[in-house]
């Protein structure tokens, strides 16, 4: 079966986020009220062949941890969803 794995990678709390800071400043300059903070990140869709959703999750975690595709010192990874696509 084919599974779509959706992942978000963001800077860890307390780590500098210049892209988020820049976007926050731009939104404020545009006069958009209420913006208190912006965090930037990356969104990945990874399609994997697996026998089950559980196996797809194991494969996905291996993709971004061994060897890491993210910097574990500065990045947090959140697995958003695993969906069977067909």
C-alpha atoms as a PDB file:
ATOM      1  CA  UNK A   1       0.000   0.000   0.000  1.00  0.00           C
ATOM      2  CA  UNK A   2       1.039   3.575  -0.568  1.00  0.00           C
ATOM      3  CA  UNK A   3       0.948   6.009   2.341  1.00  0.00           C
ATOM      4  CA  UNK A   4       1.334   9.782   2.412  1.00  0.00           C
ATOM      5  CA  UNK A   5       3.256  10.956   5.457  1.00  0.00           C
ATOM      6  CA  UNK A   6       2.941  14.640   6.375  1.00  0.00           C
ATOM      7  CA  UNK A   7       5.712  16.148   8.498  1.00  0.00           C
ATOM      8  CA  UNK A   8       6.477  19.649   9.806  1.00  0.00           C
ATOM      9  CA  UNK A   9       9.986  20.713  10.822  1.00  0.00           C
ATOM     10  CA  UNK A  10      10.370  23.887  12.904  1.00  0.00           C
ATOM     11  CA  UNK A  11      13.150  25.495  14.884  1.00  0.00           C
ATOM     12  CA  UNK A  12      13.174  24.362  18.514  1.00  0.00           C
ATOM     13  CA  UNK A  13      11.760  26.732  21.101  1.00  0.00           C
ATOM     14  CA  UNK A  14      14.489  29.203  22.070  1.00  0.00           C
ATOM     15  CA  UNK A  15      16.414  28.790  18.799  1.00  0.00           C
ATOM     16  CA  UNK A  16      16.756  31.827  16.546  1.00  0.00           C
ATOM     17  CA  UNK A  17      14.117  31.932  13.786  1.00  0.00           C
ATOM     18  CA  UNK A  18      15.124  34.788  11.450  1.00  0.00           C
ATOM     19  CA  UNK A  19      12.602  33.810   8.773  1.00  0.00           C
ATOM     20  CA  UNK A  20       9.756  33.863  11.297  1.00  0.00           C
ATOM     21  CA  UNK A  21      10.968  37.205  12.676  1.00  0.00           C
ATOM     22  CA  UNK A  22      11.104  38.683   9.158  1.00  0.00           C
ATOM     23  CA  UNK A  23       7.594  37.500   8.333  1.00  0.00           C
ATOM     24  CA  UNK A  24       6.291  38.841  11.640  1.00  0.00           C
ATOM     25  CA  UNK A  25       7.792  42.268  10.860  1.00  0.00           C
ATOM     26  CA  UNK A  26       6.302  42.279   7.351  1.00  0.00           C
ATOM     27  CA  UNK A  27       2.835  41.409   8.651  1.00  0.00           C
ATOM     28  CA  UNK A  28       3.006  44.196  11.237  1.00  0.00           C
ATOM     29  CA  UNK A  29       4.162  46.699   8.602  1.00  0.00           C
ATOM     30  CA  UNK A  30       1.164  45.681   6.465  1.00  0.00           C
ATOM     31  CA  UNK A  31      -1.045  46.717   9.369  1.00  0.00           C
ATOM     32  CA  UNK A  32      -2.296  43.239  10.214  1.00  0.00           C
ATOM     33  CA  UNK A  33      -3.338  43.608  13.830  1.00  0.00           C
ATOM     34  CA  UNK A  34      -2.978  40.911  16.422  1.00  0.00           C
ATOM     35  CA  UNK A  35       0.157  39.192  15.110  1.00  0.00           C
ATOM     36  CA  UNK A  36       2.201  38.438  18.213  1.00  0.00           C
ATOM     37  CA  UNK A  37       4.645  35.847  16.927  1.00  0.00           C
ATOM     38  CA  UNK A  38       5.485  33.890  13.781  1.00  0.00           C
ATOM     39  CA  UNK A  39       7.396  30.617  13.608  1.00  0.00           C
ATOM     40  CA  UNK A  40       8.737  29.436  10.272  1.00  0.00           C
ATOM     41  CA  UNK A  41       9.125  25.845   9.253  1.00  0.00           C
ATOM     42  CA  UNK A  42       9.235  23.311   6.476  1.00  0.00           C
ATOM     43  CA  UNK A  43       6.433  21.007   5.376  1.00  0.00           C
ATOM     44  CA  UNK A  44       7.176  17.633   3.813  1.00  0.00           C
ATOM     45  CA  UNK A  45       4.946  15.113   2.103  1.00  0.00           C
ATOM     46  CA  UNK A  46       6.691  11.779   1.838  1.00  0.00           C
ATOM     47  CA  UNK A  47       5.103   8.852  -0.015  1.00  0.00           C
ATOM     48  CA  UNK A  48       6.156   5.410   1.192  1.00  0.00           C
ATOM     49  CA  UNK A  49       5.270   1.842   0.288  1.00  0.00           C
ATOM     50  CA  UNK A  50       4.408  -0.166   3.393  1.00  0.00           C
ATOM     51  CA  UNK A  51       2.305  -3.143   4.461  1.00  0.00           C
ATOM     52  CA  UNK A  52       0.568  -1.170   7.231  1.00  0.00           C
ATOM     53  CA  UNK A  53       0.155   2.302   8.690  1.00  0.00           C
ATOM     54  CA  UNK A  54       2.435   1.307  11.563  1.00  0.00           C
ATOM     55  CA  UNK A  55       5.180   0.228   9.156  1.00  0.00           C
ATOM     56  CA  UNK A  56       4.745   3.506   7.235  1.00  0.00           C
ATOM     57  CA  UNK A  57       5.276   5.407  10.499  1.00  0.00           C
ATOM     58  CA  UNK A  58       8.467   3.457  11.234  1.00  0.00           C
ATOM     59  CA  UNK A  59       9.767   4.191   7.725  1.00  0.00           C
ATOM     60  CA  UNK A  60       8.900   7.881   8.021  1.00  0.00           C
ATOM     61  CA  UNK A  61      10.715   8.230  11.338  1.00  0.00           C
ATOM     62  CA  UNK A  62      13.772   6.498   9.861  1.00  0.00           C
ATOM     63  CA  UNK A  63      13.727   8.959   6.960  1.00  0.00           C
ATOM     64  CA  UNK A  64      14.196  11.978   9.206  1.00  0.00           C
ATOM     65  CA  UNK A  65      16.259  10.409  11.991  1.00  0.00           C
ATOM     66  CA  UNK A  66      18.768   7.884  10.588  1.00  0.00           C
ATOM     67  CA  UNK A  67      20.827   9.712   9.414  1.00  0.00           C
ATOM     68  CA  UNK A  68      18.936  12.827  10.383  1.00  0.00           C
ATOM     69  CA  UNK A  69      17.575  15.075   7.627  1.00  0.00           C
ATOM     70  CA  UNK A  70      17.022  17.687  10.305  1.00  0.00           C
ATOM     71  CA  UNK A  71      19.394  19.102  12.859  1.00  0.00           C
ATOM     72  CA  UNK A  72      18.251  17.552  16.162  1.00  0.00           C
ATOM     73  CA  UNK A  73      20.017  20.298  18.104  1.00  0.00           C
ATOM     74  CA  UNK A  74      17.959  23.105  16.553  1.00  0.00           C
ATOM     75  CA  UNK A  75      14.908  21.485  14.924  1.00  0.00           C
ATOM     76  CA  UNK A  76      11.732  19.824  16.165  1.00  0.00           C
ATOM     77  CA  UNK A  77       9.887  17.366  13.950  1.00  0.00           C
ATOM     78  CA  UNK A  78       6.152  16.779  14.182  1.00  0.00           C
ATOM     79  CA  UNK A  79       4.528  13.887  12.345  1.00  0.00           C
ATOM     80  CA  UNK A  80       1.168  15.370  11.327  1.00  0.00           C
ATOM     81  CA  UNK A  81      -0.553  12.462   9.630  1.00  0.00           C
ATOM     82  CA  UNK A  82      -0.157   9.176   7.823  1.00  0.00           C
ATOM     83  CA  UNK A  83      -2.841   8.466   5.247  1.00  0.00           C
ATOM     84  CA  UNK A  84      -3.316   5.560   2.887  1.00  0.00           C
ATOM     85  CA  UNK A  85      -3.434   6.888  -0.664  1.00  0.00           C
ATOM     86  CA  UNK A  86      -4.164   3.760  -2.633  1.00  0.00           C
END
